[in-house]
Amino acid sequence: MKYRTLGKTGWQVSEISLGTWQVGGKWGEPFDEKNAEQVLHTAIDAGINFIDTADVYADGRSERTVAKVVKQRKEQVYIATKCGRRLAPHTVESYTPQSLRKFVEDSLKNTGLETLDLVQLHCPPTPVYYRPEVFLLFDKLKEEGKVRFLGVSVEKVEEAIKAIEYPNVATVQIIFNIFRQRPKDLFFHLAKERNIGIIVRVPLASGLLTGKFTKETQFNSKDHRLVNRNGELFDKGETFSGVPYEIGIQAAEELKRQIATPERPLALTALRWILDFSEVGCVIPGASRKEQIAQNIKASDLPPLTSDEHKRAKELYDKRIRPYVHYLW
C-alpha cells in the first residue's frame, strides 16, 4: 500500500481507503455487524488507514461499528464521518448551525470519541455553500475540541469550487471515475493550489466499471441501483455516476476490450486510472465482504496506465458518456 498526503490535514493516508456505505451487507440488505467488523479488520490489516462513514449509514450503526473496530487496533486509523442528510426535510432552510451542532454531538456519542477527525457536510443543497454561518460553525467546534477538520461531500464540481473558498475546508469528497471525468479539468487544479485533500467516491460507478453487469443483472428491490436511476431517492449522479444503465454496460464492454488486460481487469484498471492523478488524496471504494478488500488494494501497486490508455479512456468518455453527465455535475 502506498500513502499520500491528504491536503491541509497533513495526514498520510492509504491511496486505497474504505467507504462504508455498504459495509456489513450489499445495498438494500440489513446491516450485518459481524460482517462489517470482518471487513473493517481486513482493511486495516491490509494497510488501509482512512475509513469514511456517515451518521445516516445504517442509522448510526456504521459509525458505531467503525469506531469500535478502530479502538481495538493499535494502528493510526482516521475516521471521516458526515452530517446533514438526517435533516427532514433535507432543504436549505434546515441547514442551521444548531441542527449541525446536534448532528456532530450525536456522532461523538455514536463513536464514543472526544474529537471527530473529519466531519463532512453530506451533499447539501447548492445554496448552502453560500451561507457562511454554516462553515463558521465548524471553527467553533474545532475550538471546542469536537472536530479536527471540516470537509464537504459534493454532487457538483461547482459546489466543490465554491466550498474551497472557505479557508477551514480541508477536504472535498467528489465522484470521479472514467465515467465522470469533469473534476480533473478545473477543480483538481484549484484544489492543488489551495492544498485541498481530494477524496474520490463512487470510483467504480456503482459497479458498472467492474464490467460484470449485463442487461439481465438483477438488483435487490431496495438497492439504489434499481430504484434511484432517475433520482427517485437522492441525486441520480450517485447511481451509476448518472450514466444510463445500458449505455454504461456498453461503454464498460468497450473499456474491457480497449484498456483492461487479463492481468489488470477492468475494476483494477478503473481504480488505477484514478490514482494516476496526483491531485487525488485517496479513493474510497466500498466493500460488502472482506474478499473485496484484497482485490481493491492491488491497484496501489500497479504501474500507471500508459498515455495511450489514458487517451483511449478519454476518447471513449467523450464519445459515449460525456453527453449524459458532463454538464450536469
Protein backbone atom coordinates (compact mmCIF):
# COMPACT_ATOMS: atom_id res chain seq x y z
CA MET A 1 0.00 0.00 0.00
CA LYS A 2 1.21 3.47 -0.87
CA TYR A 3 0.28 6.61 1.05
CA ARG A 4 -0.42 10.23 0.08
CA THR A 5 -0.80 13.49 1.97
CA LEU A 6 -4.45 14.45 2.36
CA GLY A 7 -4.25 18.19 1.79
CA LYS A 8 -4.34 20.54 4.77
CA THR A 9 -4.85 17.70 7.22
CA GLY A 10 -1.23 16.65 6.74
CA TRP A 11 -2.33 13.04 7.24
CA GLN A 12 -0.57 10.30 5.31
CA VAL A 13 -3.49 8.21 4.11
CA SER A 14 -3.68 4.98 2.16
CA GLU A 15 -4.24 5.56 -1.56
CA ILE A 16 -6.93 2.93 -1.45
CA SER A 17 -9.07 3.59 1.59
CA LEU A 18 -12.55 2.37 2.51
CA GLY A 19 -16.05 3.74 2.08
CA THR A 20 -18.66 2.17 4.34
CA TRP A 21 -21.98 2.87 2.64
CA GLN A 22 -22.47 -0.87 2.08
CA VAL A 23 -20.16 -2.25 4.79
CA GLY A 24 -21.96 -5.08 6.54
CA GLY A 25 -24.05 -6.08 3.55
CA LYS A 26 -24.93 -5.24 -0.01
CA TRP A 27 -27.12 -2.23 -0.77
CA GLY A 28 -30.72 -2.84 0.25
CA GLU A 29 -29.90 -5.63 2.69
CA PRO A 30 -29.88 -5.45 6.51
CA PHE A 31 -26.75 -4.23 8.27
CA ASP A 32 -24.64 -7.19 9.42
CA GLU A 33 -22.40 -6.04 12.27
CA LYS A 34 -20.27 -9.19 12.35
CA ASN A 35 -19.56 -8.99 8.64
CA ALA A 36 -18.87 -5.26 8.95
CA GLU A 37 -16.28 -5.92 11.63
CA GLN A 38 -14.59 -8.52 9.43
CA VAL A 39 -14.44 -6.11 6.51
CA LEU A 40 -13.01 -3.34 8.69
CA HIS A 41 -10.37 -5.51 10.34
CA THR A 42 -9.35 -6.90 6.95
CA ALA A 43 -9.00 -3.37 5.60
CA ILE A 44 -6.77 -2.25 8.46
CA ASP A 45 -4.71 -5.46 8.20
CA ALA A 46 -4.13 -4.53 4.54
CA GLY A 47 -2.76 -1.09 5.43
CA ILE A 48 -5.92 0.97 4.97
CA ASN A 49 -5.85 3.82 7.49
CA PHE A 50 -8.69 6.08 6.35
CA ILE A 51 -12.32 4.99 6.72
CA ASP A 52 -15.26 7.05 5.53
CA THR A 53 -18.67 6.69 7.17
CA ALA A 54 -21.75 8.85 7.84
CA ASP A 55 -24.37 9.28 10.52
CA VAL A 56 -27.10 8.05 8.14
CA TYR A 57 -25.33 4.80 7.18
CA ALA A 58 -27.42 2.09 8.85
CA ASP A 59 -28.88 4.79 11.11
CA GLY A 60 -25.67 5.33 13.09
CA ARG A 61 -24.64 1.69 13.31
CA SER A 62 -21.90 2.19 10.74
CA GLU A 63 -20.33 4.96 12.83
CA ARG A 64 -20.53 2.83 15.96
CA THR A 65 -19.04 -0.23 14.32
CA VAL A 66 -16.21 1.69 12.62
CA ALA A 67 -15.25 3.33 15.91
CA LYS A 68 -15.50 0.03 17.80
CA VAL A 69 -13.07 -1.68 15.43
CA VAL A 70 -10.64 1.25 15.27
CA LYS A 71 -10.46 1.36 19.07
CA GLN A 72 -9.44 -2.30 19.07
CA ARG A 73 -6.45 -1.58 16.83
CA LYS A 74 -3.03 -0.13 17.60
CA GLU A 75 -2.63 1.41 14.14
CA GLN A 76 -3.38 5.06 13.45
CA VAL A 77 -6.68 4.99 11.57
CA TYR A 78 -8.51 8.17 10.62
CA ILE A 79 -12.32 8.19 10.74
CA ALA A 80 -14.19 10.56 8.46
CA THR A 81 -17.92 10.97 9.02
CA LYS A 82 -20.63 13.18 7.53
CA CYS A 83 -23.62 15.15 8.68
CA GLY A 84 -26.68 16.79 7.18
CA ARG A 85 -28.58 14.02 5.44
CA ARG A 86 -30.62 13.31 8.58
CA LEU A 87 -32.40 16.61 8.07
CA ALA A 88 -36.07 16.13 7.27
CA PRO A 89 -36.87 17.83 5.07
CA HIS A 90 -33.41 17.99 3.53
CA THR A 91 -33.68 21.62 2.50
CA VAL A 92 -31.51 24.72 2.53
CA GLU A 93 -33.53 26.17 5.39
CA SER A 94 -32.90 23.09 7.53
CA TYR A 95 -29.15 23.65 7.45
CA THR A 96 -28.72 25.71 10.60
CA PRO A 97 -25.74 25.89 12.98
CA GLN A 98 -27.99 24.46 15.69
CA SER A 99 -29.02 21.39 13.71
CA LEU A 100 -25.49 20.67 12.50
CA ARG A 101 -24.08 21.05 16.01
CA LYS A 102 -26.60 18.47 17.20
CA PHE A 103 -25.51 16.05 14.47
CA VAL A 104 -21.84 16.44 15.41
CA GLU A 105 -22.66 15.78 19.06
CA ASP A 106 -24.68 12.71 18.07
CA SER A 107 -21.71 11.40 16.06
CA LEU A 108 -19.47 11.91 19.07
CA LYS A 109 -21.90 9.78 21.10
CA ASN A 110 -22.13 7.13 18.38
CA THR A 111 -18.37 6.79 18.14
CA GLY A 112 -17.51 7.38 21.78
CA LEU A 113 -14.74 9.70 20.67
CA GLU A 114 -13.80 13.02 22.25
CA THR A 115 -12.90 14.51 18.86
CA LEU A 116 -14.02 13.62 15.34
CA ASP A 117 -11.10 13.50 12.90
CA LEU A 118 -13.05 14.81 9.90
CA VAL A 119 -16.66 15.90 9.58
CA GLN A 120 -18.00 16.45 6.07
CA LEU A 121 -21.17 18.25 5.07
CA HIS A 122 -23.11 15.46 3.38
CA CYS A 123 -24.09 16.68 -0.08
CA PRO A 124 -26.12 19.70 0.99
CA PRO A 125 -28.26 21.66 -1.50
CA THR A 126 -26.18 24.05 -3.58
CA PRO A 127 -27.35 27.27 -1.84
CA VAL A 128 -25.91 26.01 1.46
CA TYR A 129 -22.44 26.71 0.08
CA TYR A 130 -23.41 30.40 0.02
CA ARG A 131 -24.19 30.51 3.75
CA PRO A 132 -21.01 31.39 5.67
CA GLU A 133 -22.63 30.74 9.05
CA VAL A 134 -22.75 27.02 8.25
CA PHE A 135 -18.99 26.92 7.72
CA LEU A 136 -18.17 29.27 10.60
CA LEU A 137 -19.85 26.83 12.98
CA PHE A 138 -17.03 24.36 12.43
CA ASP A 139 -14.43 26.88 13.55
CA LYS A 140 -16.27 26.97 16.87
CA LEU A 141 -16.50 23.19 17.03
CA LYS A 142 -12.78 22.98 16.33
CA GLU A 143 -12.05 25.46 19.14
CA GLU A 144 -14.19 23.32 21.44
CA GLY A 145 -12.13 20.24 20.56
CA LYS A 146 -15.04 18.38 18.99
CA VAL A 147 -13.78 18.39 15.39
CA ARG A 148 -10.27 18.37 13.92
CA PHE A 149 -11.10 19.18 10.31
CA LEU A 150 -14.06 20.14 8.13
CA GLY A 151 -14.71 18.72 4.72
CA VAL A 152 -17.52 18.65 2.19
CA SER A 153 -19.02 15.85 0.16
CA VAL A 154 -20.38 17.34 -3.04
CA GLU A 155 -22.50 16.38 -6.02
CA LYS A 156 -21.35 19.08 -8.43
CA VAL A 157 -17.99 20.49 -9.47
CA GLU A 158 -19.39 23.99 -8.95
CA GLU A 159 -20.14 23.14 -5.31
CA ALA A 160 -16.58 21.92 -4.81
CA ILE A 161 -15.14 25.11 -6.27
CA LYS A 162 -17.37 27.26 -4.06
CA ALA A 163 -16.65 25.21 -0.93
CA ILE A 164 -12.88 25.64 -1.13
CA GLU A 165 -13.28 29.41 -0.90
CA TYR A 166 -13.82 28.82 2.82
CA PRO A 167 -10.39 28.62 4.47
CA ASN A 168 -11.48 26.00 7.00
CA VAL A 169 -12.48 23.45 4.35
CA ALA A 170 -9.67 20.88 4.30
CA THR A 171 -11.09 18.16 2.07
CA VAL A 172 -13.56 17.63 -0.75
CA GLN A 173 -15.18 14.29 -1.43
CA ILE A 174 -16.30 14.05 -5.04
CA ILE A 175 -17.39 11.50 -7.64
CA PHE A 176 -14.54 10.94 -10.08
CA ASN A 177 -14.01 7.96 -12.37
CA ILE A 178 -13.64 7.05 -16.03
CA PHE A 179 -17.37 7.84 -16.45
CA ARG A 180 -17.18 11.15 -14.52
CA GLN A 181 -14.07 12.98 -15.73
CA ARG A 182 -15.06 16.63 -15.37
CA PRO A 183 -13.43 17.24 -11.93
CA LYS A 184 -9.95 16.95 -13.43
CA ASP A 185 -10.49 19.83 -15.86
CA LEU A 186 -10.52 22.76 -13.40
CA PHE A 187 -11.32 21.63 -9.88
CA PHE A 188 -8.20 19.50 -9.44
CA HIS A 189 -6.03 22.47 -10.42
CA LEU A 190 -7.74 24.78 -7.92
CA ALA A 191 -7.63 22.16 -5.17
CA LYS A 192 -3.90 21.69 -5.65
CA GLU A 193 -3.34 25.45 -5.42
CA ARG A 194 -5.22 25.58 -2.11
CA ASN A 195 -3.86 22.33 -0.66
CA ILE A 196 -7.26 20.64 -0.54
CA GLY A 197 -7.38 16.91 0.10
CA ILE A 198 -9.42 15.15 -2.59
CA ILE A 199 -11.35 12.05 -1.55
CA VAL A 200 -12.78 10.13 -4.52
CA ARG A 201 -16.03 8.24 -4.07
CA VAL A 202 -18.05 6.04 -6.46
CA PRO A 203 -14.80 5.05 -8.23
CA LEU A 204 -16.40 2.06 -9.94
CA ALA A 205 -19.64 3.85 -10.93
CA SER A 206 -21.75 1.68 -8.60
CA GLY A 207 -20.20 -1.44 -10.10
CA LEU A 208 -20.54 -0.57 -13.79
CA LEU A 209 -16.76 -0.26 -14.02
CA THR A 210 -16.25 -3.81 -12.82
CA GLY A 211 -17.54 -4.89 -16.24
CA LYS A 212 -19.56 -7.66 -14.61
CA PHE A 213 -23.07 -6.31 -15.18
CA THR A 214 -25.36 -7.20 -18.08
CA LYS A 215 -28.87 -6.22 -19.11
CA GLU A 216 -30.07 -9.29 -17.21
CA THR A 217 -28.35 -8.42 -13.90
CA GLN A 218 -30.88 -8.37 -11.06
CA PHE A 219 -30.67 -5.92 -8.13
CA ASN A 220 -32.32 -6.06 -4.71
CA SER A 221 -35.68 -4.26 -4.64
CA LYS A 222 -34.25 -1.74 -2.15
CA ASP A 223 -30.90 -1.34 -3.93
CA HIS A 224 -30.39 2.24 -5.16
CA ARG A 225 -29.02 0.77 -8.40
CA LEU A 226 -32.56 -0.34 -9.15
CA VAL A 227 -34.72 2.32 -7.50
CA ASN A 228 -32.71 5.55 -7.93
CA ARG A 229 -31.82 5.51 -11.62
CA ASN A 230 -33.82 8.67 -12.19
CA GLY A 231 -33.09 10.30 -8.84
CA GLU A 232 -36.15 8.97 -7.02
CA LEU A 233 -34.33 8.80 -3.66
CA PHE A 234 -31.39 11.21 -3.98
CA ASP A 235 -29.20 12.75 -6.66
CA LYS A 236 -29.17 10.33 -9.58
CA GLY A 237 -25.46 11.04 -10.08
CA GLU A 238 -24.79 8.76 -7.10
CA THR A 239 -26.22 5.81 -9.04
CA PHE A 240 -24.02 4.53 -11.88
CA SER A 241 -22.43 8.04 -11.79
CA GLY A 242 -25.55 9.29 -13.57
CA VAL A 243 -24.88 7.20 -16.68
CA PRO A 244 -27.94 5.43 -18.16
CA TYR A 245 -27.55 1.77 -17.25
CA GLU A 246 -27.49 0.23 -20.73
CA ILE A 247 -25.14 2.94 -22.04
CA GLY A 248 -22.81 2.19 -19.13
CA ILE A 249 -22.83 -1.54 -19.84
CA GLN A 250 -21.88 -0.93 -23.46
CA ALA A 251 -19.12 1.52 -22.52
CA ALA A 252 -17.74 -0.87 -19.90
CA GLU A 253 -17.53 -3.61 -22.51
CA GLU A 254 -15.56 -1.27 -24.78
CA LEU A 255 -13.19 -0.41 -21.93
CA LYS A 256 -12.61 -4.10 -21.27
CA ARG A 257 -11.56 -4.56 -24.87
CA GLN A 258 -9.53 -1.36 -25.18
CA ILE A 259 -7.63 -0.81 -21.94
CA ALA A 260 -8.21 -3.66 -19.48
CA THR A 261 -5.91 -6.69 -19.58
CA PRO A 262 -6.06 -10.24 -18.15
CA GLU A 263 -3.54 -9.16 -15.52
CA ARG A 264 -5.37 -5.89 -14.84
CA PRO A 265 -9.13 -6.47 -15.08
CA LEU A 266 -11.47 -3.53 -15.56
CA ALA A 267 -12.14 -2.81 -11.87
CA LEU A 268 -8.41 -2.52 -11.14
CA THR A 269 -7.89 -0.53 -14.33
CA ALA A 270 -10.59 1.92 -13.21
CA LEU A 271 -9.04 2.33 -9.75
CA ARG A 272 -5.54 2.72 -11.19
CA TRP A 273 -6.84 5.34 -13.65
CA ILE A 274 -7.96 7.47 -10.70
CA LEU A 275 -4.68 7.02 -8.82
CA ASP A 276 -2.77 8.25 -11.87
CA PHE A 277 -3.96 11.76 -10.96
CA SER A 278 -1.54 13.06 -8.32
CA GLU A 279 -4.11 15.55 -7.01
CA VAL A 280 -6.15 12.66 -5.58
CA GLY A 281 -5.53 12.01 -1.89
CA CYS A 282 -7.35 8.70 -1.64
CA VAL A 283 -10.04 6.59 -3.27
CA ILE A 284 -12.79 5.05 -1.11
CA PRO A 285 -14.30 2.02 -2.86
CA GLY A 286 -16.82 0.19 -0.74
CA ALA A 287 -16.74 -3.45 0.22
CA SER A 288 -19.61 -5.65 1.34
CA ARG A 289 -17.33 -8.59 2.07
CA LYS A 290 -13.71 -8.88 3.16
CA GLU A 291 -12.52 -10.58 -0.05
CA GLN A 292 -13.14 -7.37 -1.98
CA ILE A 293 -10.52 -5.54 0.09
CA ALA A 294 -7.66 -7.71 -1.17
CA GLN A 295 -8.74 -7.10 -4.75
CA ASN A 296 -9.12 -3.32 -4.42
CA ILE A 297 -5.76 -2.68 -2.78
CA LYS A 298 -3.91 -4.27 -5.70
CA ALA A 299 -4.46 -1.02 -7.59
CA SER A 300 -1.98 0.78 -5.35
CA ASP A 301 0.88 -1.43 -6.51
CA LEU A 302 0.06 -1.42 -10.22
CA PRO A 303 2.09 0.72 -12.63
CA PRO A 304 0.30 3.76 -14.08
CA LEU A 305 -1.71 3.37 -17.25
CA THR A 306 0.15 4.33 -20.41
CA SER A 307 -0.51 7.66 -22.10
CA ASP A 308 -2.19 5.74 -24.92
CA GLU A 309 -4.52 4.00 -22.45
CA HIS A 310 -5.43 7.34 -20.88
CA LYS A 311 -6.08 8.72 -24.35
CA ARG A 312 -8.42 5.84 -25.18
CA ALA A 313 -10.29 6.24 -21.89
CA LYS A 314 -10.77 9.94 -22.65
CA GLU A 315 -11.93 9.24 -26.20
CA LEU A 316 -14.47 6.70 -25.01
CA TYR A 317 -15.74 9.14 -22.38
CA ASP A 318 -16.13 11.91 -24.94
CA LYS A 319 -17.89 9.61 -27.40
CA ARG A 320 -20.14 7.52 -25.15
CA ILE A 321 -20.54 9.19 -21.76
CA ARG A 322 -19.97 12.96 -21.88
CA PRO A 323 -23.43 13.90 -23.28
CA TYR A 324 -25.14 12.23 -20.30
CA VAL A 325 -23.07 13.58 -17.39
CA HIS A 326 -20.52 16.25 -18.19
CA TYR A 327 -22.66 19.36 -17.93
CA LEU A 328 -24.93 18.08 -15.16
CA TRP A 329 -22.36 17.53 -12.41
